[in-house]
Amino acid sequence: MMGEELAGVGPAVVSVLALVISLLNLYLQRRDRKPRLKIRARYEYRAGVPKAGSPDSSAVPQVHDESQEGLYLRLGDFLRERGVGYPRGSPVVRFAISNEGERVAYLNAVRLVFRAGRPPGRRMVLDPIQKKVLPLNLARDAANVAGSGAAEGLPVEIVPGDGVGYKFSLTRLANTLEKEGHAGNVRLSLEATDRLGNAYRRPFRVNTDLWAYHEDPAQEPESD
């Protein structure tokens, strides 16, 4: 009797294992077809801008750190050593989006998003060009800094092994947040969305107590 029961269990176990393996293979295949983007971030200060026609922007004195607090602490010594009068130049937060997969990625949108109010909070988007904050569900094509063709719906192409960079003035972000009533050490994310609907996020913070002050009106967010 027991032998017959064991004989009946055997095929069932084999069927379950086959199903698990099949699902695992399907998951791996789908993962391999999905673009794999990685977003890196750092805080940086450059003493001025490269001269027109200069082939090497690294010649401009600069200091950087993985955190805004680290950059702020290092900034005083950096400026004194070089005799640079602050705020010549600009503190920025810089992002590098790299394609580490085997498929071409197409970015439809790149935005700076955060949650306002008590958790879970309303999803908001910071527009660094218009210097305003608005609800994400109302943003539509606004506040999209993916590239010059973003407003026309033209995606940014990133081939495997390549990448694209973005940088934003910390002063402009801090001033905008403070003006819109979001003071303090605000947690935001750079959110990149591809045309398949996949979203990639890199959290970062902007402390209005450190960076908010009158800025140069010529400063604008850029892509590298």
Protein backbone atom coordinates (compact mmCIF):
# COMPACT_ATOMS: atom_id res chain seq x y z
CA MET A 1 0.00 0.00 0.00
CA MET A 2 2.75 2.44 0.98
CA GLY A 3 4.71 1.55 -2.14
CA GLU A 4 1.74 2.45 -4.33
CA GLU A 5 1.39 5.83 -2.55
CA LEU A 6 5.08 6.60 -3.03
CA ALA A 7 4.82 5.61 -6.68
CA GLY A 8 1.96 8.10 -7.08
CA VAL A 9 3.87 10.92 -5.37
CA GLY A 10 6.91 10.56 -7.63
CA PRO A 11 5.33 11.83 -10.86
CA ALA A 12 3.70 14.74 -8.98
CA VAL A 13 7.06 15.88 -7.57
CA VAL A 14 8.63 15.65 -11.02
CA SER A 15 5.81 17.76 -12.49
CA VAL A 16 6.20 20.45 -9.82
CA LEU A 17 9.97 20.60 -10.35
CA ALA A 18 9.47 20.87 -14.10
CA LEU A 19 7.05 23.75 -13.59
CA VAL A 20 9.47 25.56 -11.25
CA ILE A 21 12.33 25.17 -13.73
CA SER A 22 10.15 26.38 -16.57
CA LEU A 23 9.10 29.48 -14.63
CA LEU A 24 12.70 30.18 -13.64
CA ASN A 25 13.86 29.95 -17.27
CA LEU A 26 11.06 32.28 -18.33
CA TYR A 27 12.06 34.80 -15.67
CA LEU A 28 15.71 34.69 -16.73
CA GLN A 29 14.79 35.14 -20.38
CA ARG A 30 12.60 38.15 -19.59
CA ARG A 31 15.30 39.64 -17.37
CA ASP A 32 17.87 39.30 -20.15
CA ARG A 33 15.53 41.07 -22.59
CA LYS A 34 14.94 43.98 -20.19
CA PRO A 35 17.41 46.89 -20.44
CA ARG A 36 19.67 47.08 -17.40
CA LEU A 37 20.38 50.67 -16.43
CA LYS A 38 22.45 51.77 -13.47
CA ILE A 39 22.34 55.29 -12.03
CA ARG A 40 25.28 56.74 -10.10
CA ALA A 41 25.30 60.06 -8.28
CA ARG A 42 27.79 62.39 -6.62
CA TYR A 43 27.93 65.96 -5.35
CA GLU A 44 30.44 68.26 -7.01
CA TYR A 45 31.76 71.82 -7.04
CA ARG A 46 33.79 73.34 -9.87
CA ALA A 47 35.55 76.68 -9.52
CA GLY A 48 34.16 78.29 -12.65
CA VAL A 49 33.53 76.72 -16.06
CA PRO A 50 35.94 75.41 -18.75
CA LYS A 51 37.10 77.96 -21.29
CA ALA A 52 35.47 77.82 -24.70
CA GLY A 53 37.24 75.26 -26.87
CA SER A 54 39.02 73.65 -23.93
CA PRO A 55 39.29 69.87 -24.58
CA ASP A 56 39.70 68.92 -20.94
CA SER A 57 37.04 70.07 -18.49
CA SER A 58 38.92 68.26 -15.70
CA ALA A 59 41.50 71.10 -15.81
CA VAL A 60 38.99 73.24 -13.91
CA PRO A 61 39.64 72.92 -10.14
CA GLN A 62 36.94 70.78 -8.59
CA VAL A 63 36.02 68.85 -5.49
CA HIS A 64 33.42 66.12 -5.10
CA ASP A 65 31.95 63.75 -2.54
CA GLU A 66 29.35 60.99 -2.33
CA SER A 67 27.25 63.05 0.09
CA GLN A 68 26.20 66.70 0.16
CA GLU A 69 27.41 67.01 3.75
CA GLY A 70 30.83 65.72 2.72
CA LEU A 71 31.03 68.19 -0.15
CA TYR A 72 29.96 71.06 2.09
CA LEU A 73 32.62 70.23 4.70
CA ARG A 74 35.37 69.98 2.06
CA LEU A 75 34.30 73.10 0.20
CA GLY A 76 35.75 75.64 2.64
CA ASP A 77 39.31 74.22 2.50
CA PHE A 78 39.05 73.78 -1.26
CA LEU A 79 38.16 77.44 -1.85
CA ARG A 80 40.79 78.76 0.59
CA GLU A 81 43.57 76.66 -0.98
CA ARG A 82 42.80 78.08 -4.42
CA GLY A 83 41.88 81.59 -3.41
CA VAL A 84 38.47 81.24 -5.00
CA GLY A 85 35.71 83.55 -3.82
CA TYR A 86 32.45 81.68 -3.19
CA PRO A 87 29.99 81.51 -4.95
CA ARG A 88 32.12 81.61 -8.08
CA GLY A 89 31.24 78.34 -9.77
CA SER A 90 28.36 76.18 -8.64
CA PRO A 91 27.72 73.20 -6.37
CA VAL A 92 25.87 70.56 -8.38
CA VAL A 93 24.52 67.05 -8.01
CA ARG A 94 25.64 64.94 -10.96
CA PHE A 95 24.09 61.71 -12.27
CA ALA A 96 25.46 59.13 -14.69
CA ILE A 97 22.99 56.67 -16.27
CA SER A 98 24.80 53.73 -17.86
CA ASN A 99 23.46 50.82 -19.89
CA GLU A 100 24.99 47.65 -18.45
CA GLY A 101 22.75 45.23 -20.34
CA GLU A 102 22.84 43.85 -23.87
CA ARG A 103 19.87 45.74 -25.30
CA VAL A 104 19.54 49.34 -26.43
CA ALA A 105 17.58 51.46 -23.95
CA TYR A 106 15.36 54.40 -24.88
CA LEU A 107 14.57 56.93 -22.15
CA ASN A 108 11.24 58.68 -22.51
CA ALA A 109 11.48 60.76 -19.35
CA VAL A 110 13.91 61.85 -16.64
CA ARG A 111 12.41 63.68 -13.67
CA LEU A 112 13.23 64.75 -10.12
CA VAL A 113 10.50 63.32 -7.91
CA PHE A 114 9.74 63.25 -4.18
CA ARG A 115 6.88 62.69 -1.75
CA ALA A 116 5.34 65.62 0.11
CA GLY A 117 3.56 65.47 3.44
CA ARG A 118 3.25 62.58 5.85
CA PRO A 119 3.96 59.04 4.61
CA PRO A 120 3.14 57.79 2.12
CA GLY A 121 2.78 61.37 0.88
CA ARG A 122 1.74 62.77 -2.46
CA ARG A 123 4.15 62.20 -5.34
CA MET A 124 5.54 65.51 -6.57
CA VAL A 125 7.96 66.51 -9.31
CA LEU A 126 10.49 69.34 -9.14
CA ASP A 127 10.90 71.28 -12.37
CA PRO A 128 14.43 72.77 -12.29
CA ILE A 129 13.89 74.77 -15.48
CA GLN A 130 10.65 76.52 -14.54
CA LYS A 131 11.69 76.46 -10.86
CA LYS A 132 8.44 75.08 -9.52
CA VAL A 133 6.97 71.99 -7.87
CA LEU A 134 3.82 70.27 -9.12
CA PRO A 135 1.95 66.98 -8.55
CA LEU A 136 3.44 64.19 -10.63
CA ASN A 137 0.06 63.10 -12.00
CA LEU A 138 -0.44 66.59 -13.44
CA ALA A 139 3.07 67.02 -14.83
CA ARG A 140 2.49 65.22 -18.16
CA ASP A 141 5.35 66.39 -20.39
CA ALA A 142 6.43 69.15 -18.00
CA ALA A 143 9.54 68.83 -15.85
CA ASN A 144 10.98 66.21 -18.23
CA VAL A 145 14.72 66.86 -18.49
CA ALA A 146 15.60 63.73 -20.49
CA GLY A 147 16.95 65.76 -23.42
CA SER A 148 16.31 68.54 -25.90
CA GLY A 149 13.78 66.39 -27.78
CA ALA A 150 11.81 65.31 -24.70
CA ALA A 151 9.01 67.81 -25.33
CA GLU A 152 8.52 66.38 -28.84
CA GLY A 153 8.44 62.81 -27.52
CA LEU A 154 11.89 61.91 -28.87
CA PRO A 155 13.56 59.32 -26.59
CA VAL A 156 17.20 59.35 -25.52
CA GLU A 157 19.01 56.31 -26.94
CA ILE A 158 21.60 54.55 -24.76
CA VAL A 159 23.44 51.70 -26.45
CA PRO A 160 25.02 48.89 -24.38
CA GLY A 161 28.19 50.06 -22.68
CA ASP A 162 27.32 53.73 -23.14
CA GLY A 163 25.60 56.26 -20.91
CA VAL A 164 24.23 59.75 -20.47
CA GLY A 165 24.84 62.31 -17.74
CA TYR A 166 22.77 64.97 -16.01
CA LYS A 167 23.69 67.64 -13.51
CA PHE A 168 21.59 70.07 -11.50
CA SER A 169 22.53 73.15 -9.52
CA LEU A 170 22.06 72.46 -5.83
CA THR A 171 21.35 76.15 -5.32
CA ARG A 172 18.53 76.11 -7.85
CA LEU A 173 17.01 72.91 -6.42
CA ALA A 174 17.25 74.21 -2.85
CA ASN A 175 15.80 77.62 -3.73
CA THR A 176 12.90 76.01 -5.59
CA LEU A 177 12.12 73.61 -2.75
CA GLU A 178 12.26 76.36 -0.15
CA LYS A 179 10.10 78.72 -2.23
CA GLU A 180 7.48 75.97 -2.65
CA GLY A 181 7.38 75.23 1.08
CA HIS A 182 9.61 72.14 1.24
CA ALA A 183 12.47 73.21 3.49
CA GLY A 184 15.00 71.04 5.28
CA ASN A 185 16.91 67.98 4.12
CA VAL A 186 14.53 66.84 1.37
CA ARG A 187 14.77 63.32 -0.05
CA LEU A 188 14.31 63.20 -3.82
CA SER A 189 14.95 60.65 -6.56
CA LEU A 190 16.16 60.95 -10.11
CA GLU A 191 13.58 58.81 -11.93
CA ALA A 192 14.34 57.62 -15.46
CA THR A 193 11.56 55.88 -17.40
CA ASP A 194 12.16 53.93 -20.61
CA ARG A 195 9.67 53.42 -23.42
CA LEU A 196 8.82 49.93 -22.13
CA GLY A 197 7.50 51.49 -18.92
CA ASN A 198 10.41 50.43 -16.70
CA ALA A 199 11.36 53.00 -14.06
CA TYR A 200 14.87 53.38 -12.63
CA ARG A 201 15.44 55.52 -9.54
CA ARG A 202 18.43 56.94 -7.67
CA PRO A 203 17.62 58.60 -4.31
CA PHE A 204 19.52 61.70 -3.22
CA ARG A 205 19.01 64.62 -0.82
CA VAL A 206 19.01 68.39 -1.06
CA ASN A 207 19.42 70.33 2.18
CA THR A 208 17.95 73.81 1.83
CA ASP A 209 19.85 74.92 4.94
CA LEU A 210 23.13 74.25 3.10
CA TRP A 211 22.45 75.39 -0.45
CA ALA A 212 19.57 77.89 -0.61
CA TYR A 213 20.68 81.46 -1.41
CA HIS A 214 20.48 83.96 -4.28
CA GLU A 215 21.68 82.20 -7.43
CA ASP A 216 23.08 83.24 -10.76
CA PRO A 217 20.08 83.49 -13.14
CA ALA A 218 22.22 82.08 -15.96
CA GLN A 219 22.60 78.70 -14.23
CA GLU A 220 20.52 75.96 -15.83
CA PRO A 221 20.32 72.16 -15.57
CA GLU A 222 22.38 70.38 -18.18
CA SER A 223 22.88 66.95 -19.71
CA ASP A 224 26.43 65.80 -20.48
